[in-house]
Amino acid sequence: MKTHSHGPDELCEAGSTLYALALTEGRIRSEETGPAPCLIGLGLLQADADDTEWLRPTAPAVALPRLLEGIEKDIAHHRHRGAQLATAFESLMALVPRLPASEGPPAITVLTGLPHIQKTVAQALSDSSREMLSIQPGGHRPPEALAQSLADARGVLARGGRMRTLYQHTSRHSLSVFGYHDQLQGDTEVRTLDEVTERLFVFDRVVAFVPANRDRSVALEIRLPALVEYLAAAFDCLWSLATPMYPHSAQLPSDNGITTRQQAIAHLLVDGHTDSEIAVRLGMNVRTCRAHIAKIAATLNSRSRAQLGYLIGRSGMLRQNH
């Protein structure tokens, strides 16, 4: 038998149905109220003086004021208890010294809207003087977008700071990226990887910015020292694995005509990713991705997509650099 679990001052669905039936019929058998004992507790049903096997309903106009009166008494009781507690704690609170107000910005701030995010990042960049670390996923970078941070980047370098930027390998073919860094004078260096994390900025290892949603319309400004240091350490780890691009470019390694980028594509192919998903992960357009897949297929003499996966696994390509 199911337990009747709701509170004593609630009318359940079963009780409401039986009460309506009792009002319609004028009475209801006692045995029928088993699923809703709350009807007796709420005073909605009362024993029939002429026949104890039957229950008669209390008129709603009578029952409702009674129930409301009980609730009002409970409210008054709780208010009285609250006043008593407030009085008791008033003298106790005076014994505790007041904590000093928090100084400086909060440890984590949520930034909403691209203009607000850009303004806050630009301000943090202009305030920095030692170091700027950034991860920039994707391939194509419009010159006008890069130009927005040019003055602030120059300011960091002019103050003796250094810039370290991680792009994906696809940015190695971007004239706008090379043009941007050619306009900077100072300790600036760029490296690339097949895949990087989402966008990241770390300034002076004091403040970091990361996106908080997919379209980057919400970001987090992080000033919690342990978390900022963690993000900076993650950057350093990726940096050590990356291939130099600027100011001195190192050629991407290849093995038997297969480049590291094509090896990355091969891994994602075998993992079951579509051409579109691979293109997004590696920061290239779908047409370029398919051209690389065709090159892998030609190198391995593959005649079909299914055969290509088998030949990739057999070639030993997946064990390279991993």
Foldseek 3Di string as FASTA:
>chain_A
DDDPDDDLLDQDPLNVVVLVVLVVVQKDFPVSCVVPPSCVSLVQWDADPVDRRIIGGDDPVVSVVVSVVVVVVVVVVVVVVVVVVCVVCPVVVVVDDDDDDDDDDDQKDKFAAPVRVVVVVLVLLQPFAAEKEKEDEAADDDLVNLVVCLVSQQNNFVSVYAYEYEYAPNNLPYPSVVVSVVPHDGHYWYWHHQADDAIKIAGPLQWMKGADDDVSRMIMIGRPNVVSVVVVVVSVVVVVVTATRPPDGDDFDADLQHGPNLLQLLVVLLVPDDLCVSCRRRNHDSVVSVVSVVVQCVSQVHDDSVVSNVSCVVVCSNVPPD
